[in-house]
Amino acid sequence: MAQAATGRSRRVRHAPELDLLPVMNLFCVIIPFLLLSASFLEIAVIEMAPTEGISSGAGTTSLARSEEELLQPKVIMTDDELFLGTVFGTRSVSSSFLEERNGEMVPSYDFEALDEHLADFREELDTEFPTIPVHKITILTVDDVRYDNIVMAIDVCTENGFDQPGLQVAAYDVLQRQIAAQAAAAAGGGGAP
């Protein structure tokens, strides 16, 4: 056939179709994957009261705002020992020991002794300071104390009426200075717990 006078052929040209199937397949795979991975990011939260106290650098304490905070009851967990005390002094609860958990030997503490000492500690606080309702306690640890030991200490504190536990992590030398200062204050005549 002869061509038309305009020089164009009579064939109709179609625009190429977009193939969206690979993109849809990609979204069908990515969206469920993202939804499933979002459920793995769920984090259990332990609510703790914010505390004031030892700064990790200088080892100074900040001023307390209430009578309850003036007492500053705390459980001190070092690598070697577990202490219980207030600003008036500390007392040793137990030494750390190695315990088998899930097939490995890990450091642990005597939480039954902590429970007994906390019950006595609660009685002493209620006797010495009857007008101050003490609900706050600080778990003061060095940075390499195992998380499960901290959780067990929090549980024991909660069972003994300290329902607003706080957590502070300090350098080992800062803890040692505080323990020594509280022991000197207790030896100097602070008659409270």
C-alpha atoms as a PDB file:
ATOM      1  CA  MET A   1       0.000   0.000   0.000  1.00  0.00           C
ATOM      2  CA  ALA A   2       0.990   3.476  -0.572  1.00  0.00           C
ATOM      3  CA  GLN A   3       1.712   5.840   2.230  1.00  0.00           C
ATOM      4  CA  ALA A   4      -0.549   8.684   3.086  1.00  0.00           C
ATOM      5  CA  ALA A   5       0.408  12.153   1.942  1.00  0.00           C
ATOM      6  CA  THR A   6       1.391  13.209   5.440  1.00  0.00           C
ATOM      7  CA  GLY A   7       4.139  10.632   5.597  1.00  0.00           C
ATOM      8  CA  ARG A   8       2.690   8.801   8.546  1.00  0.00           C
ATOM      9  CA  SER A   9       1.735   5.183   8.507  1.00  0.00           C
ATOM     10  CA  ARG A  10      -1.739   4.075   9.382  1.00  0.00           C
ATOM     11  CA  ARG A  11      -0.595   1.924  12.254  1.00  0.00           C
ATOM     12  CA  VAL A  12      -1.745   3.123  15.628  1.00  0.00           C
ATOM     13  CA  ARG A  13       1.020   3.144  18.149  1.00  0.00           C
ATOM     14  CA  HIS A  14       0.113   2.346  21.748  1.00  0.00           C
ATOM     15  CA  ALA A  15       1.985   3.704  24.730  1.00  0.00           C
ATOM     16  CA  PRO A  16       3.737   0.890  26.594  1.00  0.00           C
ATOM     17  CA  GLU A  17       1.819  -0.288  29.642  1.00  0.00           C
ATOM     18  CA  LEU A  18       3.396   0.098  33.056  1.00  0.00           C
ATOM     19  CA  ASP A  19       3.945  -3.238  34.716  1.00  0.00           C
ATOM     20  CA  LEU A  20       3.092  -2.585  38.372  1.00  0.00           C
ATOM     21  CA  LEU A  21       3.157  -6.230  39.376  1.00  0.00           C
ATOM     22  CA  PRO A  22       6.779  -6.217  40.684  1.00  0.00           C
ATOM     23  CA  VAL A  23       6.112  -3.103  42.789  1.00  0.00           C
ATOM     24  CA  MET A  24       2.920  -4.602  44.202  1.00  0.00           C
ATOM     25  CA  ASN A  25       4.778  -7.817  45.014  1.00  0.00           C
ATOM     26  CA  LEU A  26       7.435  -5.800  46.805  1.00  0.00           C
ATOM     27  CA  PHE A  27       4.816  -4.009  48.930  1.00  0.00           C
ATOM     28  CA  CYS A  28       3.060  -7.292  49.667  1.00  0.00           C
ATOM     29  CA  VAL A  29       6.309  -8.581  51.147  1.00  0.00           C
ATOM     30  CA  ILE A  30       7.558  -5.417  52.877  1.00  0.00           C
ATOM     31  CA  ILE A  31       4.352  -4.387  54.665  1.00  0.00           C
ATOM     32  CA  PRO A  32       3.810  -7.692  56.548  1.00  0.00           C
ATOM     33  CA  PHE A  33       7.520  -7.827  57.350  1.00  0.00           C
ATOM     34  CA  LEU A  34       7.439  -4.335  58.863  1.00  0.00           C
ATOM     35  CA  LEU A  35       4.299  -5.138  60.835  1.00  0.00           C
ATOM     36  CA  LEU A  36       5.836  -8.327  62.206  1.00  0.00           C
ATOM     37  CA  SER A  37       9.114  -6.669  63.099  1.00  0.00           C
ATOM     38  CA  ALA A  38       7.253  -3.906  64.953  1.00  0.00           C
ATOM     39  CA  SER A  39       5.911  -6.466  67.418  1.00  0.00           C
ATOM     40  CA  PHE A  40       9.495  -7.535  68.201  1.00  0.00           C
ATOM     41  CA  LEU A  41      10.344  -4.007  69.268  1.00  0.00           C
ATOM     42  CA  GLU A  42       7.919  -4.146  72.193  1.00  0.00           C
ATOM     43  CA  ILE A  43       9.776  -3.226  75.370  1.00  0.00           C
ATOM     44  CA  ALA A  44       8.696  -4.078  78.893  1.00  0.00           C
ATOM     45  CA  VAL A  45       8.851  -1.009  81.104  1.00  0.00           C
ATOM     46  CA  ILE A  46       9.501  -0.977  84.827  1.00  0.00           C
ATOM     47  CA  GLU A  47       8.091   2.223  86.250  1.00  0.00           C
ATOM     48  CA  MET A  48      10.464   3.842  88.677  1.00  0.00           C
ATOM     49  CA  ALA A  49      10.348   7.142  90.471  1.00  0.00           C
ATOM     50  CA  PRO A  50      13.006   9.649  89.415  1.00  0.00           C
ATOM     51  CA  THR A  51      15.590  10.132  92.106  1.00  0.00           C
ATOM     52  CA  GLU A  52      18.115  12.742  92.997  1.00  0.00           C
ATOM     53  CA  GLY A  53      21.411  11.981  94.571  1.00  0.00           C
ATOM     54  CA  ILE A  54      24.844  10.940  93.487  1.00  0.00           C
ATOM     55  CA  SER A  55      26.195  12.458  90.340  1.00  0.00           C
ATOM     56  CA  SER A  56      28.559  10.114  88.581  1.00  0.00           C
ATOM     57  CA  GLY A  57      31.343  12.673  88.200  1.00  0.00           C
ATOM     58  CA  ALA A  58      31.945  14.546  91.437  1.00  0.00           C
ATOM     59  CA  GLY A  59      30.204  12.227  93.892  1.00  0.00           C
ATOM     60  CA  THR A  60      28.217  15.039  95.493  1.00  0.00           C
ATOM     61  CA  THR A  61      24.646  14.759  96.663  1.00  0.00           C
ATOM     62  CA  SER A  62      21.971  17.252  95.770  1.00  0.00           C
ATOM     63  CA  LEU A  63      19.646  18.784  98.321  1.00  0.00           C
ATOM     64  CA  ALA A  64      16.516  16.816  99.084  1.00  0.00           C
ATOM     65  CA  ARG A  65      13.127  18.484  98.691  1.00  0.00           C
ATOM     66  CA  SER A  66      11.032  16.630 101.253  1.00  0.00           C
ATOM     67  CA  GLU A  67      11.429  14.934 104.608  1.00  0.00           C
ATOM     68  CA  GLU A  68      11.179  11.544 102.943  1.00  0.00           C
ATOM     69  CA  GLU A  69      14.017  12.437 100.587  1.00  0.00           C
ATOM     70  CA  LEU A  70      16.087  13.676 103.552  1.00  0.00           C
ATOM     71  CA  LEU A  71      16.260  10.090 104.825  1.00  0.00           C
ATOM     72  CA  GLN A  72      17.414   8.777 101.435  1.00  0.00           C
ATOM     73  CA  PRO A  73      16.816   5.066 102.142  1.00  0.00           C
ATOM     74  CA  LYS A  74      18.800   2.980  99.717  1.00  0.00           C
ATOM     75  CA  VAL A  75      19.957  -0.481  98.777  1.00  0.00           C
ATOM     76  CA  ILE A  76      23.572  -0.344  97.603  1.00  0.00           C
ATOM     77  CA  MET A  77      24.740  -3.147  95.317  1.00  0.00           C
ATOM     78  CA  THR A  78      28.497  -3.333  94.727  1.00  0.00           C
ATOM     79  CA  ASP A  79      30.446  -6.128  93.086  1.00  0.00           C
ATOM     80  CA  ASP A  80      31.355  -7.590  96.483  1.00  0.00           C
ATOM     81  CA  GLU A  81      28.538  -6.763  98.868  1.00  0.00           C
ATOM     82  CA  LEU A  82      24.937  -5.662  99.364  1.00  0.00           C
ATOM     83  CA  PHE A  83      24.272  -2.767 101.780  1.00  0.00           C
ATOM     84  CA  LEU A  84      21.172  -1.127 103.234  1.00  0.00           C
ATOM     85  CA  GLY A  85      21.097   2.328 104.723  1.00  0.00           C
ATOM     86  CA  THR A  86      20.057   5.953 104.956  1.00  0.00           C
ATOM     87  CA  VAL A  87      21.986   9.203 105.187  1.00  0.00           C
ATOM     88  CA  PHE A  88      22.689   8.224 108.794  1.00  0.00           C
ATOM     89  CA  GLY A  89      24.750   5.183 107.841  1.00  0.00           C
ATOM     90  CA  THR A  90      24.856   1.859 106.073  1.00  0.00           C
ATOM     91  CA  ARG A  91      24.908  -1.723 107.183  1.00  0.00           C
ATOM     92  CA  SER A  92      26.028  -4.797 105.336  1.00  0.00           C
ATOM     93  CA  VAL A  93      23.293  -7.227 104.329  1.00  0.00           C
ATOM     94  CA  SER A  94      25.256  -9.939 102.542  1.00  0.00           C
ATOM     95  CA  SER A  95      28.286 -10.632 100.412  1.00  0.00           C
ATOM     96  CA  SER A  96      27.906 -11.521  96.770  1.00  0.00           C
ATOM     97  CA  PHE A  97      28.378 -15.098  95.673  1.00  0.00           C
ATOM     98  CA  LEU A  98      28.361 -17.080  92.450  1.00  0.00           C
ATOM     99  CA  GLU A  99      25.148 -18.856  91.517  1.00  0.00           C
ATOM    100  CA  GLU A 100      24.257 -21.034  88.548  1.00  0.00           C
ATOM    101  CA  ARG A 101      21.551 -19.554  86.324  1.00  0.00           C
ATOM    102  CA  ASN A 102      20.687 -20.992  82.932  1.00  0.00           C
ATOM    103  CA  GLY A 103      23.841 -23.079  82.876  1.00  0.00           C
ATOM    104  CA  GLU A 104      26.318 -20.313  83.695  1.00  0.00           C
ATOM    105  CA  MET A 105      27.843 -19.035  86.927  1.00  0.00           C
ATOM    106  CA  VAL A 106      26.767 -15.451  87.645  1.00  0.00           C
ATOM    107  CA  PRO A 107      27.179 -13.154  90.660  1.00  0.00           C
ATOM    108  CA  SER A 108      24.156 -12.939  92.930  1.00  0.00           C
ATOM    109  CA  TYR A 109      23.122 -11.723  96.385  1.00  0.00           C
ATOM    110  CA  ASP A 110      21.176 -13.176  99.306  1.00  0.00           C
ATOM    111  CA  PHE A 111      17.751 -11.668  98.618  1.00  0.00           C
ATOM    112  CA  GLU A 112      16.163 -13.544 101.543  1.00  0.00           C
ATOM    113  CA  ALA A 113      18.564 -11.711 103.876  1.00  0.00           C
ATOM    114  CA  LEU A 114      17.664  -8.452 102.114  1.00  0.00           C
ATOM    115  CA  ASP A 115      13.975  -9.223 102.702  1.00  0.00           C
ATOM    116  CA  GLU A 116      14.581  -9.781 106.432  1.00  0.00           C
ATOM    117  CA  HIS A 117      16.740  -6.662 106.764  1.00  0.00           C
ATOM    118  CA  LEU A 118      14.207  -4.551 104.850  1.00  0.00           C
ATOM    119  CA  ALA A 119      11.396  -5.698 107.163  1.00  0.00           C
ATOM    120  CA  ASP A 120      13.480  -4.639 110.199  1.00  0.00           C
ATOM    121  CA  PHE A 121      14.519  -1.463 108.380  1.00  0.00           C
ATOM    122  CA  ARG A 122      10.862  -0.610 107.693  1.00  0.00           C
ATOM    123  CA  GLU A 123      10.029  -1.068 111.398  1.00  0.00           C
ATOM    124  CA  GLU A 124      12.955   1.147 112.437  1.00  0.00           C
ATOM    125  CA  LEU A 125      11.940   3.884 110.011  1.00  0.00           C
ATOM    126  CA  ASP A 126       8.327   3.766 111.194  1.00  0.00           C
ATOM    127  CA  THR A 127       9.480   3.919 114.842  1.00  0.00           C
ATOM    128  CA  GLU A 128      12.133   6.643 114.449  1.00  0.00           C
ATOM    129  CA  PHE A 129      10.176   8.786 111.965  1.00  0.00           C
ATOM    130  CA  PRO A 130       6.448   8.134 112.544  1.00  0.00           C
ATOM    131  CA  THR A 131       5.367  11.336 110.788  1.00  0.00           C
ATOM    132  CA  ILE A 132       7.231  10.579 107.565  1.00  0.00           C
ATOM    133  CA  PRO A 133       5.535   8.039 105.269  1.00  0.00           C
ATOM    134  CA  VAL A 134       8.517   6.455 103.523  1.00  0.00           C
ATOM    135  CA  HIS A 135       7.643   4.956 100.150  1.00  0.00           C
ATOM    136  CA  LYS A 136      10.750   5.811  98.136  1.00  0.00           C
ATOM    137  CA  ILE A 137      13.947   3.809  98.090  1.00  0.00           C
ATOM    138  CA  THR A 138      16.912   4.060  95.759  1.00  0.00           C
ATOM    139  CA  ILE A 139      18.651   1.019  94.306  1.00  0.00           C
ATOM    140  CA  LEU A 140      22.217   2.287  93.942  1.00  0.00           C
ATOM    141  CA  THR A 141      24.458   0.063  91.819  1.00  0.00           C
ATOM    142  CA  VAL A 142      27.725  -0.006  89.980  1.00  0.00           C
ATOM    143  CA  ASP A 143      27.404  -0.229  86.225  1.00  0.00           C
ATOM    144  CA  ASP A 144      28.188  -3.936  85.855  1.00  0.00           C
ATOM    145  CA  VAL A 145      25.545  -5.362  88.247  1.00  0.00           C
ATOM    146  CA  ARG A 146      23.325  -7.807  86.385  1.00  0.00           C
ATOM    147  CA  TYR A 147      19.880  -6.542  85.433  1.00  0.00           C
ATOM    148  CA  ASP A 148      18.104  -9.577  86.942  1.00  0.00           C
ATOM    149  CA  ASN A 149      19.739  -8.838  90.325  1.00  0.00           C
ATOM    150  CA  ILE A 150      18.428  -5.260  90.154  1.00  0.00           C
ATOM    151  CA  VAL A 151      14.925  -6.490  89.312  1.00  0.00           C
ATOM    152  CA  MET A 152      14.991  -8.955  92.235  1.00  0.00           C
ATOM    153  CA  ALA A 153      16.099  -6.166  94.600  1.00  0.00           C
ATOM    154  CA  ILE A 154      13.254  -3.956  93.325  1.00  0.00           C
ATOM    155  CA  ASP A 155      10.764  -6.790  93.902  1.00  0.00           C
ATOM    156  CA  VAL A 156      11.985  -7.304  97.481  1.00  0.00           C
ATOM    157  CA  CYS A 157      11.755  -3.550  98.160  1.00  0.00           C
ATOM    158  CA  THR A 158       8.211  -3.416  96.771  1.00  0.00           C
ATOM    159  CA  GLU A 159       7.136  -6.361  98.936  1.00  0.00           C
ATOM    160  CA  ASN A 160       8.364  -4.456 102.006  1.00  0.00           C
ATOM    161  CA  GLY A 161       6.317  -1.319 101.352  1.00  0.00           C
ATOM    162  CA  PHE A 162       8.799   0.720  99.329  1.00  0.00           C
ATOM    163  CA  ASP A 163       6.494   1.063  96.348  1.00  0.00           C
ATOM    164  CA  GLN A 164       8.396   3.877  94.607  1.00  0.00           C
ATOM    165  CA  PRO A 165      11.849   2.438  93.875  1.00  0.00           C
ATOM    166  CA  GLY A 166      14.395   4.505  91.990  1.00  0.00           C
ATOM    167  CA  LEU A 167      17.566   3.385  90.262  1.00  0.00           C
ATOM    168  CA  GLN A 168      20.937   5.110  90.171  1.00  0.00           C
ATOM    169  CA  VAL A 169      24.126   3.824  88.637  1.00  0.00           C
ATOM    170  CA  ALA A 170      27.424   5.223  89.892  1.00  0.00           C
ATOM    171  CA  ALA A 171      31.091   4.505  89.386  1.00  0.00           C
ATOM    172  CA  TYR A 172      32.621   2.029  91.844  1.00  0.00           C
ATOM    173  CA  ASP A 173      34.880   4.621  93.507  1.00  0.00           C
ATOM    174  CA  VAL A 174      31.910   6.972  94.014  1.00  0.00           C
ATOM    175  CA  LEU A 175      30.005   4.194  95.792  1.00  0.00           C
ATOM    176  CA  GLN A 176      33.003   3.369  97.962  1.00  0.00           C
ATOM    177  CA  ARG A 177      33.356   7.030  98.998  1.00  0.00           C
ATOM    178  CA  GLN A 178      29.667   7.223  99.875  1.00  0.00           C
ATOM    179  CA  ILE A 179      29.763   4.006 101.912  1.00  0.00           C
ATOM    180  CA  ALA A 180      32.836   5.261 103.783  1.00  0.00           C
ATOM    181  CA  ALA A 181      31.229   8.675 104.429  1.00  0.00           C
ATOM    182  CA  GLN A 182      28.018   7.089 105.711  1.00  0.00           C
ATOM    183  CA  ALA A 183      29.969   4.706 107.928  1.00  0.00           C
ATOM    184  CA  ALA A 184      31.883   7.680 109.390  1.00  0.00           C
ATOM    185  CA  ALA A 185      28.627   9.577 109.943  1.00  0.00           C
ATOM    186  CA  ALA A 186      27.121   6.558 111.721  1.00  0.00           C
ATOM    187  CA  ALA A 187      30.225   6.150 113.897  1.00  0.00           C
ATOM    188  CA  GLY A 188      30.107   9.874 114.689  1.00  0.00           C
ATOM    189  CA  GLY A 189      26.837   9.543 116.552  1.00  0.00           C
ATOM    190  CA  GLY A 190      23.910   9.404 114.152  1.00  0.00           C
ATOM    191  CA  GLY A 191      21.613   7.136 116.176  1.00  0.00           C
ATOM    192  CA  ALA A 192      19.008   6.534 113.478  1.00  0.00           C
ATOM    193  CA  PRO A 193      18.895   3.546 111.098  1.00  0.00           C
END
